[in-house]
Amino acid sequence: MRSRTHILIGFIAFLAYSYLISIMNKSASVPWLYGLVAVVTGSIIPDILEPATNSRHRSTCHSKRALNIMVFLFGITAFVTVISLFFLHFSIIYIASCFFLGYVFHLLADSVTPAGLPR
């Protein structure tokens, strides 16, 4: 899959995620521009770490194990973001969750290709 496709998928996921965060707390100033940069970075970083040199380029960074780890990290950071909406400034945590969101959607997009994801 091309980088532009991964970026577009990450952008759509980012819009939905940021919308949900803004609904939960209308008074918080969400650093959406930094979140957008983070989700774009997360959307392309697996292909930077493991460039497509051949049809079997997918290994550690494109694996089901990496997907499970990224879903876990996104879940934790998204949960902390939601909790911190009520207590403190949450910029760094929100930005980290956007990065993990981009990575998760990169792997999900790759999982539906004919090559899929290795274990």
PDB file of N, CA and C in Angstrom:
ATOM      1  N   MET A   1       0.844  -1.167   0.000  1.00  0.00           N
ATOM      2  CA  MET A   1       0.000   0.000   0.000  1.00  0.00           C
ATOM      3  C   MET A   1       0.894   1.236   0.000  1.00  0.00           C
ATOM      4  N   ARG A   2       0.492   2.244  -0.696  1.00  0.00           N
ATOM      5  CA  ARG A   2       1.280   3.474  -0.812  1.00  0.00           C
ATOM      6  C   ARG A   2       1.164   4.339   0.452  1.00  0.00           C
ATOM      7  N   SER A   3       2.175   5.177   0.655  1.00  0.00           N
ATOM      8  CA  SER A   3       2.200   6.067   1.826  1.00  0.00           C
ATOM      9  C   SER A   3       1.000   7.004   1.837  1.00  0.00           C
ATOM     10  N   ARG A   4       0.616   7.496   0.666  1.00  0.00           N
ATOM     11  CA  ARG A   4      -0.527   8.413   0.603  1.00  0.00           C
ATOM     12  C   ARG A   4      -1.799   7.747   1.117  1.00  0.00           C
ATOM     13  N   THR A   5      -1.965   6.471   0.804  1.00  0.00           N
ATOM     14  CA  THR A   5      -3.147   5.743   1.275  1.00  0.00           C
ATOM     15  C   THR A   5      -3.111   5.594   2.785  1.00  0.00           C
ATOM     16  N   HIS A   6      -1.943   5.267   3.333  1.00  0.00           N
ATOM     17  CA  HIS A   6      -1.814   5.142   4.785  1.00  0.00           C
ATOM     18  C   HIS A   6      -2.076   6.481   5.474  1.00  0.00           C
ATOM     19  N   ILE A   7      -1.579   7.552   4.887  1.00  0.00           N
ATOM     20  CA  ILE A   7      -1.799   8.883   5.470  1.00  0.00           C
ATOM     21  C   ILE A   7      -3.281   9.243   5.437  1.00  0.00           C
ATOM     22  N   LEU A   8      -3.950   8.955   4.338  1.00  0.00           N
ATOM     23  CA  LEU A   8      -5.387   9.250   4.233  1.00  0.00           C
ATOM     24  C   LEU A   8      -6.191   8.457   5.266  1.00  0.00           C
ATOM     25  N   ILE A   9      -5.889   7.178   5.408  1.00  0.00           N
ATOM     26  CA  ILE A   9      -6.582   6.343   6.407  1.00  0.00           C
ATOM     27  C   ILE A   9      -6.320   6.868   7.811  1.00  0.00           C
ATOM     28  N   GLY A  10      -5.057   7.211   8.099  1.00  0.00           N
ATOM     29  CA  GLY A  10      -4.723   7.774   9.409  1.00  0.00           C
ATOM     30  C   GLY A  10      -5.418   9.094   9.664  1.00  0.00           C
ATOM     31  N   PHE A  11      -5.524   9.925   8.627  1.00  0.00           N
ATOM     32  CA  PHE A  11      -6.201  11.216   8.750  1.00  0.00           C
ATOM     33  C   PHE A  11      -7.673  11.035   9.085  1.00  0.00           C
ATOM     34  N   ILE A  12      -8.336  10.100   8.433  1.00  0.00           N
ATOM     35  CA  ILE A  12      -9.754   9.841   8.712  1.00  0.00           C
ATOM     36  C   ILE A  12      -9.937   9.339  10.139  1.00  0.00           C
ATOM     37  N   ALA A  13      -9.049   8.426  10.575  1.00  0.00           N
ATOM     38  CA  ALA A  13      -9.119   7.942  11.960  1.00  0.00           C
ATOM     39  C   ALA A  13      -8.865   9.091  12.944  1.00  0.00           C
ATOM     40  N   PHE A  14      -7.933   9.963  12.599  1.00  0.00           N
ATOM     41  CA  PHE A  14      -7.624  11.123  13.440  1.00  0.00           C
ATOM     42  C   PHE A  14      -8.831  12.049  13.580  1.00  0.00           C
ATOM     43  N   LEU A  15      -9.527  12.300  12.476  1.00  0.00           N
ATOM     44  CA  LEU A  15     -10.709  13.157  12.538  1.00  0.00           C
ATOM     45  C   LEU A  15     -11.758  12.586  13.484  1.00  0.00           C
ATOM     46  N   ALA A  16     -11.995  11.293  13.389  1.00  0.00           N
ATOM     47  CA  ALA A  16     -12.985  10.663  14.271  1.00  0.00           C
ATOM     48  C   ALA A  16     -12.531  10.722  15.734  1.00  0.00           C
ATOM     49  N   TYR A  17     -11.268  10.411  15.977  1.00  0.00           N
ATOM     50  CA  TYR A  17     -10.728  10.416  17.346  1.00  0.00           C
ATOM     51  C   TYR A  17     -10.767  11.832  17.939  1.00  0.00           C
ATOM     52  N   SER A  18     -10.313  12.813  17.199  1.00  0.00           N
ATOM     53  CA  SER A  18     -10.315  14.195  17.700  1.00  0.00           C
ATOM     54  C   SER A  18     -11.730  14.708  17.933  1.00  0.00           C
ATOM     55  N   TYR A  19     -12.649  14.299  17.081  1.00  0.00           N
ATOM     56  CA  TYR A  19     -14.038  14.693  17.260  1.00  0.00           C
ATOM     57  C   TYR A  19     -14.591  14.129  18.570  1.00  0.00           C
ATOM     58  N   LEU A  20     -14.296  12.861  18.840  1.00  0.00           N
ATOM     59  CA  LEU A  20     -14.759  12.245  20.096  1.00  0.00           C
ATOM     60  C   LEU A  20     -14.151  12.941  21.305  1.00  0.00           C
ATOM     61  N   ILE A  21     -12.868  13.272  21.230  1.00  0.00           N
ATOM     62  CA  ILE A  21     -12.209  13.967  22.341  1.00  0.00           C
ATOM     63  C   ILE A  21     -12.843  15.345  22.544  1.00  0.00           C
ATOM     64  N   SER A  22     -13.115  16.049  21.460  1.00  0.00           N
ATOM     65  CA  SER A  22     -13.694  17.395  21.595  1.00  0.00           C
ATOM     66  C   SER A  22     -15.119  17.347  22.129  1.00  0.00           C
ATOM     67  N   ILE A  23     -15.857  16.279  21.821  1.00  0.00           N
ATOM     68  CA  ILE A  23     -17.212  16.131  22.365  1.00  0.00           C
ATOM     69  C   ILE A  23     -17.157  15.924  23.878  1.00  0.00           C
ATOM     70  N   MET A  24     -16.164  15.151  24.333  1.00  0.00           N
ATOM     71  CA  MET A  24     -16.063  14.839  25.760  1.00  0.00           C
ATOM     72  C   MET A  24     -15.746  16.064  26.595  1.00  0.00           C
ATOM     73  N   ASN A  25     -14.961  16.967  26.050  1.00  0.00           N
ATOM     74  CA  ASN A  25     -14.602  18.149  26.824  1.00  0.00           C
ATOM     75  C   ASN A  25     -14.484  19.339  25.883  1.00  0.00           C
ATOM     76  N   LYS A  26     -15.513  20.130  25.841  1.00  0.00           N
ATOM     77  CA  LYS A  26     -15.546  21.273  24.935  1.00  0.00           C
ATOM     78  C   LYS A  26     -14.625  22.403  25.384  1.00  0.00           C
ATOM     79  N   SER A  27     -14.240  22.427  26.652  1.00  0.00           N
ATOM     80  CA  SER A  27     -13.417  23.523  27.150  1.00  0.00           C
ATOM     81  C   SER A  27     -11.926  23.274  26.961  1.00  0.00           C
ATOM     82  N   ALA A  28     -11.536  22.042  26.667  1.00  0.00           N
ATOM     83  CA  ALA A  28     -10.112  21.735  26.512  1.00  0.00           C
ATOM     84  C   ALA A  28      -9.609  22.234  25.164  1.00  0.00           C
ATOM     85  N   SER A  29      -8.403  22.761  25.176  1.00  0.00           N
ATOM     86  CA  SER A  29      -7.786  23.171  23.915  1.00  0.00           C
ATOM     87  C   SER A  29      -6.943  21.995  23.410  1.00  0.00           C
ATOM     88  N   VAL A  30      -7.468  21.292  22.444  1.00  0.00           N
ATOM     89  CA  VAL A  30      -6.805  20.102  21.907  1.00  0.00           C
ATOM     90  C   VAL A  30      -5.735  20.557  20.912  1.00  0.00           C
ATOM     91  N   PRO A  31      -4.505  20.097  21.098  1.00  0.00           N
ATOM     92  CA  PRO A  31      -3.444  20.476  20.156  1.00  0.00           C
ATOM     93  C   PRO A  31      -3.568  19.662  18.868  1.00  0.00           C
ATOM     94  N   TRP A  32      -4.597  19.946  18.075  1.00  0.00           N
ATOM     95  CA  TRP A  32      -4.938  19.102  16.928  1.00  0.00           C
ATOM     96  C   TRP A  32      -3.857  19.104  15.852  1.00  0.00           C
ATOM     97  N   LEU A  33      -3.141  20.220  15.695  1.00  0.00           N
ATOM     98  CA  LEU A  33      -2.102  20.254  14.668  1.00  0.00           C
ATOM     99  C   LEU A  33      -0.966  19.287  15.014  1.00  0.00           C
ATOM    100  N   TYR A  34      -0.571  19.265  16.277  1.00  0.00           N
ATOM    101  CA  TYR A  34       0.465  18.318  16.703  1.00  0.00           C
ATOM    102  C   TYR A  34      -0.049  16.880  16.608  1.00  0.00           C
ATOM    103  N   GLY A  35      -1.316  16.693  16.926  1.00  0.00           N
ATOM    104  CA  GLY A  35      -1.918  15.378  16.795  1.00  0.00           C
ATOM    105  C   GLY A  35      -1.938  14.916  15.349  1.00  0.00           C
ATOM    106  N   LEU A  36      -2.216  15.832  14.437  1.00  0.00           N
ATOM    107  CA  LEU A  36      -2.219  15.500  13.016  1.00  0.00           C
ATOM    108  C   LEU A  36      -0.821  15.095  12.546  1.00  0.00           C
ATOM    109  N   VAL A  37       0.193  15.823  12.971  1.00  0.00           N
ATOM    110  CA  VAL A  37       1.572  15.467  12.628  1.00  0.00           C
ATOM    111  C   VAL A  37       1.919  14.099  13.208  1.00  0.00           C
ATOM    112  N   ALA A  38       1.493  13.854  14.426  1.00  0.00           N
ATOM    113  CA  ALA A  38       1.782  12.570  15.067  1.00  0.00           C
ATOM    114  C   ALA A  38       1.093  11.410  14.356  1.00  0.00           C
ATOM    115  N   VAL A  39      -0.158  11.583  13.941  1.00  0.00           N
ATOM    116  CA  VAL A  39      -0.865  10.498  13.271  1.00  0.00           C
ATOM    117  C   VAL A  39      -0.271  10.242  11.885  1.00  0.00           C
ATOM    118  N   VAL A  40       0.146  11.286  11.193  1.00  0.00           N
ATOM    119  CA  VAL A  40       0.804  11.092   9.896  1.00  0.00           C
ATOM    120  C   VAL A  40       2.131  10.359  10.089  1.00  0.00           C
ATOM    121  N   THR A  41       2.882  10.751  11.111  1.00  0.00           N
ATOM    122  CA  THR A  41       4.142  10.065  11.410  1.00  0.00           C
ATOM    123  C   THR A  41       3.895   8.600  11.748  1.00  0.00           C
ATOM    124  N   GLY A  42       2.911   8.339  12.583  1.00  0.00           N
ATOM    125  CA  GLY A  42       2.575   6.960  12.931  1.00  0.00           C
ATOM    126  C   GLY A  42       2.082   6.158  11.744  1.00  0.00           C
ATOM    127  N   SER A  43       1.467   6.833  10.789  1.00  0.00           N
ATOM    128  CA  SER A  43       0.944   6.151   9.605  1.00  0.00           C
ATOM    129  C   SER A  43       2.031   5.719   8.634  1.00  0.00           C
ATOM    130  N   ILE A  44       3.178   6.397   8.659  1.00  0.00           N
ATOM    131  CA  ILE A  44       4.229   6.043   7.700  1.00  0.00           C
ATOM    132  C   ILE A  44       5.466   5.410   8.337  1.00  0.00           C
ATOM    133  N   ILE A  45       5.574   5.464   9.663  1.00  0.00           N
ATOM    134  CA  ILE A  45       6.788   4.975  10.323  1.00  0.00           C
ATOM    135  C   ILE A  45       7.040   3.467  10.109  1.00  0.00           C
ATOM    136  N   PRO A  46       6.020   2.612  10.035  1.00  0.00           N
ATOM    137  CA  PRO A  46       6.339   1.197   9.793  1.00  0.00           C
ATOM    138  C   PRO A  46       7.064   0.977   8.467  1.00  0.00           C
ATOM    139  N   ASP A  47       6.700   1.734   7.437  1.00  0.00           N
ATOM    140  CA  ASP A  47       7.369   1.589   6.145  1.00  0.00           C
ATOM    141  C   ASP A  47       8.740   2.255   6.129  1.00  0.00           C
ATOM    142  N   ILE A  48       8.978   3.194   7.022  1.00  0.00           N
ATOM    143  CA  ILE A  48      10.310   3.786   7.153  1.00  0.00           C
ATOM    144  C   ILE A  48      11.227   2.803   7.884  1.00  0.00           C
ATOM    145  N   LEU A  49      10.689   2.163   8.926  1.00  0.00           N
ATOM    146  CA  LEU A  49      11.491   1.190   9.679  1.00  0.00           C
ATOM    147  C   LEU A  49      11.768  -0.083   8.880  1.00  0.00           C
ATOM    148  N   GLU A  50      10.803  -0.486   8.069  1.00  0.00           N
ATOM    149  CA  GLU A  50      10.950  -1.670   7.216  1.00  0.00           C
ATOM    150  C   GLU A  50      10.577  -1.309   5.781  1.00  0.00           C
ATOM    151  N   PRO A  51      11.520  -0.748   5.025  1.00  0.00           N
ATOM    152  CA  PRO A  51      11.198  -0.336   3.654  1.00  0.00           C
ATOM    153  C   PRO A  51      10.817  -1.534   2.784  1.00  0.00           C
ATOM    154  N   ALA A  52       9.967  -1.269   1.814  1.00  0.00           N
ATOM    155  CA  ALA A  52       9.490  -2.323   0.911  1.00  0.00           C
ATOM    156  C   ALA A  52      10.558  -2.627  -0.139  1.00  0.00           C
ATOM    157  N   THR A  53      11.523  -3.453   0.233  1.00  0.00           N
ATOM    158  CA  THR A  53      12.580  -3.822  -0.706  1.00  0.00           C
ATOM    159  C   THR A  53      12.169  -5.000  -1.579  1.00  0.00           C
ATOM    160  N   ASN A  54      11.239  -5.799  -1.077  1.00  0.00           N
ATOM    161  CA  ASN A  54      10.683  -6.901  -1.857  1.00  0.00           C
ATOM    162  C   ASN A  54       9.288  -7.206  -1.340  1.00  0.00           C
ATOM    163  N   SER A  55       8.660  -8.233  -1.895  1.00  0.00           N
ATOM    164  CA  SER A  55       7.281  -8.540  -1.508  1.00  0.00           C
ATOM    165  C   SER A  55       7.173  -9.103  -0.088  1.00  0.00           C
ATOM    166  N   ARG A  56       8.291  -9.518   0.493  1.00  0.00           N
ATOM    167  CA  ARG A  56       8.264 -10.091   1.840  1.00  0.00           C
ATOM    168  C   ARG A  56       8.966  -9.182   2.849  1.00  0.00           C
ATOM    169  N   HIS A  57       8.802  -7.866   2.709  1.00  0.00           N
ATOM    170  CA  HIS A  57       9.483  -6.921   3.596  1.00  0.00           C
ATOM    171  C   HIS A  57       8.869  -6.858   4.980  1.00  0.00           C
ATOM    172  N   ARG A  58       7.715  -7.384   5.149  1.00  0.00           N
ATOM    173  CA  ARG A  58       7.030  -7.256   6.437  1.00  0.00           C
ATOM    174  C   ARG A  58       7.589  -8.254   7.437  1.00  0.00           C
ATOM    175  N   SER A  59       8.095  -7.711   8.528  1.00  0.00           N
ATOM    176  CA  SER A  59       8.543  -8.596   9.608  1.00  0.00           C
ATOM    177  C   SER A  59       8.114  -7.988  10.937  1.00  0.00           C
ATOM    178  N   THR A  60       9.013  -7.661  11.813  1.00  0.00           N
ATOM    179  CA  THR A  60       8.688  -7.249  13.178  1.00  0.00           C
ATOM    180  C   THR A  60       7.748  -6.038  13.258  1.00  0.00           C
ATOM    181  N   CYS A  61       8.049  -4.983  12.525  1.00  0.00           N
ATOM    182  CA  CYS A  61       7.246  -3.753  12.603  1.00  0.00           C
ATOM    183  C   CYS A  61       5.905  -3.867  11.893  1.00  0.00           C
ATOM    184  N   HIS A  62       5.729  -4.906  11.086  1.00  0.00           N
ATOM    185  CA  HIS A  62       4.480  -5.142  10.359  1.00  0.00           C
ATOM    186  C   HIS A  62       3.825  -6.448  10.796  1.00  0.00           C
ATOM    187  N   SER A  63       3.996  -6.838  12.025  1.00  0.00           N
ATOM    188  CA  SER A  63       3.494  -8.135  12.474  1.00  0.00           C
ATOM    189  C   SER A  63       2.223  -8.003  13.302  1.00  0.00           C
ATOM    190  N   LYS A  64       1.581  -9.138  13.512  1.00  0.00           N
ATOM    191  CA  LYS A  64       0.390  -9.155  14.380  1.00  0.00           C
ATOM    192  C   LYS A  64       0.783  -8.809  15.809  1.00  0.00           C
ATOM    193  N   ARG A  65       1.977  -9.194  16.202  1.00  0.00           N
ATOM    194  CA  ARG A  65       2.456  -8.855  17.541  1.00  0.00           C
ATOM    195  C   ARG A  65       2.602  -7.338  17.678  1.00  0.00           C
ATOM    196  N   ALA A  66       3.152  -6.692  16.656  1.00  0.00           N
ATOM    197  CA  ALA A  66       3.273  -5.227  16.675  1.00  0.00           C
ATOM    198  C   ALA A  66       1.887  -4.581  16.723  1.00  0.00           C
ATOM    199  N   LEU A  67       0.936  -5.154  15.990  1.00  0.00           N
ATOM    200  CA  LEU A  67      -0.437  -4.631  16.014  1.00  0.00           C
ATOM    201  C   LEU A  67      -1.019  -4.727  17.419  1.00  0.00           C
ATOM    202  N   ASN A  68      -0.835  -5.867  18.062  1.00  0.00           N
ATOM    203  CA  ASN A  68      -1.350  -6.033  19.433  1.00  0.00           C
ATOM    204  C   ASN A  68      -0.709  -5.032  20.391  1.00  0.00           C
ATOM    205  N   ILE A  69       0.588  -4.819  20.267  1.00  0.00           N
ATOM    206  CA  ILE A  69       1.290  -3.876  21.138  1.00  0.00           C
ATOM    207  C   ILE A  69       0.789  -2.451  20.895  1.00  0.00           C
ATOM    208  N   MET A  70       0.627  -2.083  19.639  1.00  0.00           N
ATOM    209  CA  MET A  70       0.174  -0.724  19.317  1.00  0.00           C
ATOM    210  C   MET A  70      -1.270  -0.482  19.747  1.00  0.00           C
ATOM    211  N   VAL A  71      -2.117  -1.493  19.610  1.00  0.00           N
ATOM    212  CA  VAL A  71      -3.506  -1.356  20.089  1.00  0.00           C
ATOM    213  C   VAL A  71      -3.496  -1.160  21.603  1.00  0.00           C
ATOM    214  N   PHE A  72      -2.670  -1.930  22.299  1.00  0.00           N
ATOM    215  CA  PHE A  72      -2.558  -1.801  23.751  1.00  0.00           C
ATOM    216  C   PHE A  72      -2.068  -0.402  24.136  1.00  0.00           C
ATOM    217  N   LEU A  73      -1.001   0.079  23.473  1.00  0.00           N
ATOM    218  CA  LEU A  73      -0.462   1.402  23.784  1.00  0.00           C
ATOM    219  C   LEU A  73      -1.454   2.510  23.444  1.00  0.00           C
ATOM    220  N   PHE A  74      -2.156   2.357  22.316  1.00  0.00           N
ATOM    221  CA  PHE A  74      -3.177   3.353  21.986  1.00  0.00           C
ATOM    222  C   PHE A  74      -4.279   3.338  23.036  1.00  0.00           C
ATOM    223  N   GLY A  75      -4.715   2.165  23.448  1.00  0.00           N
ATOM    224  CA  GLY A  75      -5.772   2.064  24.449  1.00  0.00           C
ATOM    225  C   GLY A  75      -5.395   2.764  25.749  1.00  0.00           C
ATOM    226  N   ILE A  76      -4.172   2.520  26.194  1.00  0.00           N
ATOM    227  CA  ILE A  76      -3.710   3.155  27.441  1.00  0.00           C
ATOM    228  C   ILE A  76      -3.631   4.670  27.289  1.00  0.00           C
ATOM    229  N   THR A  77      -3.005   5.138  26.207  1.00  0.00           N
ATOM    230  CA  THR A  77      -2.850   6.588  26.053  1.00  0.00           C
ATOM    231  C   THR A  77      -4.185   7.284  25.789  1.00  0.00           C
ATOM    232  N   ALA A  78      -5.081   6.628  25.074  1.00  0.00           N
ATOM    233  CA  ALA A  78      -6.408   7.215  24.849  1.00  0.00           C
ATOM    234  C   ALA A  78      -7.185   7.283  26.165  1.00  0.00           C
ATOM    235  N   PHE A  79      -7.077   6.232  26.983  1.00  0.00           N
ATOM    236  CA  PHE A  79      -7.736   6.226  28.282  1.00  0.00           C
ATOM    237  C   PHE A  79      -7.189   7.342  29.173  1.00  0.00           C
ATOM    238  N   VAL A  80      -5.876   7.477  29.214  1.00  0.00           N
ATOM    239  CA  VAL A  80      -5.265   8.529  30.027  1.00  0.00           C
ATOM    240  C   VAL A  80      -5.651   9.907  29.484  1.00  0.00           C
ATOM    241  N   THR A  81      -5.746  10.036  28.176  1.00  0.00           N
ATOM    242  CA  THR A  81      -6.185  11.307  27.585  1.00  0.00           C
ATOM    243  C   THR A  81      -7.587  11.662  28.056  1.00  0.00           C
ATOM    244  N   VAL A  82      -8.490  10.690  28.022  1.00  0.00           N
ATOM    245  CA  VAL A  82      -9.872  10.937  28.444  1.00  0.00           C
ATOM    246  C   VAL A  82      -9.927  11.271  29.929  1.00  0.00           C
ATOM    247  N   ILE A  83      -9.187  10.524  30.748  1.00  0.00           N
ATOM    248  CA  ILE A  83      -9.172  10.794  32.196  1.00  0.00           C
ATOM    249  C   ILE A  83      -8.572  12.174  32.467  1.00  0.00           C
ATOM    250  N   SER A  84      -7.486  12.496  31.770  1.00  0.00           N
ATOM    251  CA  SER A  84      -6.805  13.766  32.043  1.00  0.00           C
ATOM    252  C   SER A  84      -7.558  14.974  31.507  1.00  0.00           C
ATOM    253  N   LEU A  85      -8.577  14.759  30.699  1.00  0.00           N
ATOM    254  CA  LEU A  85      -9.398  15.884  30.257  1.00  0.00           C
ATOM    255  C   LEU A  85      -9.968  16.642  31.448  1.00  0.00           C
ATOM    256  N   PHE A  86     -10.185  15.930  32.536  1.00  0.00           N
ATOM    257  CA  PHE A  86     -10.829  16.518  33.697  1.00  0.00           C
ATOM    258  C   PHE A  86      -9.845  17.008  34.757  1.00  0.00           C
ATOM    259  N   PHE A  87      -8.547  16.663  34.609  1.00  0.00           N
ATOM    260  CA  PHE A  87      -7.605  16.974  35.676  1.00  0.00           C
ATOM    261  C   PHE A  87      -6.437  17.866  35.272  1.00  0.00           C
ATOM    262  N   LEU A  88      -5.856  17.662  34.118  1.00  0.00           N
ATOM    263  CA  LEU A  88      -4.643  18.384  33.780  1.00  0.00           C
ATOM    264  C   LEU A  88      -4.516  18.588  32.280  1.00  0.00           C
ATOM    265  N   HIS A  89      -3.478  19.278  31.907  1.00  0.00           N
ATOM    266  CA  HIS A  89      -3.197  19.521  30.493  1.00  0.00           C
ATOM    267  C   HIS A  89      -2.717  18.203  29.873  1.00  0.00           C
ATOM    268  N   PHE A  90      -3.264  17.815  28.762  1.00  0.00           N
ATOM    269  CA  PHE A  90      -3.034  16.475  28.241  1.00  0.00           C
ATOM    270  C   PHE A  90      -2.331  16.438  26.887  1.00  0.00           C
ATOM    271  N   SER A  91      -1.640  17.453  26.506  1.00  0.00           N
ATOM    272  CA  SER A  91      -1.070  17.554  25.170  1.00  0.00           C
ATOM    273  C   SER A  91      -0.161  16.389  24.800  1.00  0.00           C
ATOM    274  N   ILE A  92       0.827  16.068  25.616  1.00  0.00           N
ATOM    275  CA  ILE A  92       1.805  15.032  25.285  1.00  0.00           C
ATOM    276  C   ILE A  92       1.131  13.666  25.186  1.00  0.00           C
ATOM    277  N   ILE A  93       0.247  13.383  26.094  1.00  0.00           N
ATOM    278  CA  ILE A  93      -0.451  12.098  26.085  1.00  0.00           C
ATOM    279  C   ILE A  93      -1.343  11.991  24.849  1.00  0.00           C
ATOM    280  N   TYR A  94      -2.030  13.063  24.522  1.00  0.00           N
ATOM    281  CA  TYR A  94      -2.884  13.089  23.338  1.00  0.00           C
ATOM    282  C   TYR A  94      -2.054  12.892  22.071  1.00  0.00           C
ATOM    283  N   ILE A  95      -0.917  13.547  21.993  1.00  0.00           N
ATOM    284  CA  ILE A  95      -0.048  13.418  20.820  1.00  0.00           C
ATOM    285  C   ILE A  95       0.468  11.989  20.700  1.00  0.00           C
ATOM    286  N   ALA A  96       0.857  11.381  21.819  1.00  0.00           N
ATOM    287  CA  ALA A  96       1.305   9.980  21.791  1.00  0.00           C
ATOM    288  C   ALA A  96       0.180   9.069  21.328  1.00  0.00           C
ATOM    289  N   SER A  97      -1.032   9.301  21.802  1.00  0.00           N
ATOM    290  CA  SER A  97      -2.153   8.464  21.377  1.00  0.00           C
ATOM    291  C   SER A  97      -2.421   8.615  19.886  1.00  0.00           C
ATOM    292  N   CYS A  98      -2.228   9.812  19.346  1.00  0.00           N
ATOM    293  CA  CYS A  98      -2.400  10.020  17.899  1.00  0.00           C
ATOM    294  C   CYS A  98      -1.351   9.249  17.110  1.00  0.00           C
ATOM    295  N   PHE A  99      -0.116   9.219  17.604  1.00  0.00           N
ATOM    296  CA  PHE A  99       0.933   8.443  16.941  1.00  0.00           C
ATOM    297  C   PHE A  99       0.558   6.961  16.906  1.00  0.00           C
ATOM    298  N   PHE A 100       0.153   6.422  18.049  1.00  0.00           N
ATOM    299  CA  PHE A 100      -0.224   5.008  18.107  1.00  0.00           C
ATOM    300  C   PHE A 100      -1.444   4.722  17.237  1.00  0.00           C
ATOM    301  N   LEU A 101      -2.364   5.678  17.171  1.00  0.00           N
ATOM    302  CA  LEU A 101      -3.534   5.528  16.307  1.00  0.00           C
ATOM    303  C   LEU A 101      -3.115   5.392  14.841  1.00  0.00           C
ATOM    304  N   GLY A 102      -2.195   6.228  14.400  1.00  0.00           N
ATOM    305  CA  GLY A 102      -1.697   6.146  13.036  1.00  0.00           C
ATOM    306  C   GLY A 102      -1.021   4.821  12.753  1.00  0.00           C
ATOM    307  N   TYR A 103      -0.222   4.347  13.707  1.00  0.00           N
ATOM    308  CA  TYR A 103       0.476   3.065  13.545  1.00  0.00           C
ATOM    309  C   TYR A 103      -0.533   1.918  13.472  1.00  0.00           C
ATOM    310  N   VAL A 104      -1.527   1.935  14.344  1.00  0.00           N
ATOM    311  CA  VAL A 104      -2.555   0.888  14.358  1.00  0.00           C
ATOM    312  C   VAL A 104      -3.277   0.829  13.015  1.00  0.00           C
ATOM    313  N   PHE A 105      -3.678   1.975  12.507  1.00  0.00           N
ATOM    314  CA  PHE A 105      -4.407   1.970  11.244  1.00  0.00           C
ATOM    315  C   PHE A 105      -3.514   1.624  10.056  1.00  0.00           C
ATOM    316  N   HIS A 106      -2.223   1.890  10.148  1.00  0.00           N
ATOM    317  CA  HIS A 106      -1.301   1.429   9.119  1.00  0.00           C
ATOM    318  C   HIS A 106      -1.309  -0.099   9.079  1.00  0.00           C
ATOM    319  N   LEU A 107      -1.177  -0.707  10.241  1.00  0.00           N
ATOM    320  CA  LEU A 107      -1.143  -2.178  10.299  1.00  0.00           C
ATOM    321  C   LEU A 107      -2.492  -2.788   9.931  1.00  0.00           C
ATOM    322  N   LEU A 108      -3.571  -2.156  10.329  1.00  0.00           N
ATOM    323  CA  LEU A 108      -4.893  -2.665   9.938  1.00  0.00           C
ATOM    324  C   LEU A 108      -5.082  -2.600   8.424  1.00  0.00           C
ATOM    325  N   ALA A 109      -4.618  -1.521   7.812  1.00  0.00           N
ATOM    326  CA  ALA A 109      -4.720  -1.404   6.360  1.00  0.00           C
ATOM    327  C   ALA A 109      -3.866  -2.471   5.671  1.00  0.00           C
ATOM    328  N   ASP A 110      -2.672  -2.709   6.196  1.00  0.00           N
ATOM    329  CA  ASP A 110      -1.806  -3.725   5.607  1.00  0.00           C
ATOM    330  C   ASP A 110      -2.351  -5.142   5.824  1.00  0.00           C
ATOM    331  N   SER A 111      -3.116  -5.325   6.873  1.00  0.00           N
ATOM    332  CA  SER A 111      -3.626  -6.669   7.171  1.00  0.00           C
ATOM    333  C   SER A 111      -4.668  -7.135   6.161  1.00  0.00           C
ATOM    334  N   VAL A 112      -5.300  -6.213   5.451  1.00  0.00           N
ATOM    335  CA  VAL A 112      -6.310  -6.614   4.473  1.00  0.00           C
ATOM    336  C   VAL A 112      -5.740  -6.762   3.068  1.00  0.00           C
ATOM    337  N   THR A 113      -4.448  -6.553   2.900  1.00  0.00           N
ATOM    338  CA  THR A 113      -3.809  -6.767   1.606  1.00  0.00           C
ATOM    339  C   THR A 113      -3.549  -8.257   1.424  1.00  0.00           C
ATOM    340  N   PRO A 114      -3.289  -8.710   0.210  1.00  0.00           N
ATOM    341  CA  PRO A 114      -3.020 -10.144  -0.006  1.00  0.00           C
ATOM    342  C   PRO A 114      -1.852 -10.680   0.821  1.00  0.00           C
ATOM    343  N   ALA A 115      -0.831  -9.853   1.070  1.00  0.00           N
ATOM    344  CA  ALA A 115       0.314 -10.317   1.871  1.00  0.00           C
ATOM    345  C   ALA A 115      -0.051 -10.442   3.344  1.00  0.00           C
ATOM    346  N   GLY A 116      -0.979  -9.636   3.820  1.00  0.00           N
ATOM    347  CA  GLY A 116      -1.386  -9.678   5.220  1.00  0.00           C
ATOM    348  C   GLY A 116      -0.266  -9.288   6.165  1.00  0.00           C
ATOM    349  N   LEU A 117      -0.426  -9.701   7.422  1.00  0.00           N
ATOM    350  CA  LEU A 117       0.602  -9.458   8.435  1.00  0.00           C
ATOM    351  C   LEU A 117       1.167 -10.786   8.916  1.00  0.00           C
ATOM    352  N   PRO A 118       2.493 -10.878   9.064  1.00  0.00           N
ATOM    353  CA  PRO A 118       3.048 -12.108   9.623  1.00  0.00           C
ATOM    354  C   PRO A 118       2.775 -12.185  11.121  1.00  0.00           C
ATOM    355  N   ARG A 119       2.909 -13.361  11.653  1.00  0.00           N
ATOM    356  CA  ARG A 119       2.705 -13.549  13.100  1.00  0.00           C
ATOM    357  C   ARG A 119       3.747 -12.769  13.821  1.00  0.00           C
TER     358      ARG A 119
END
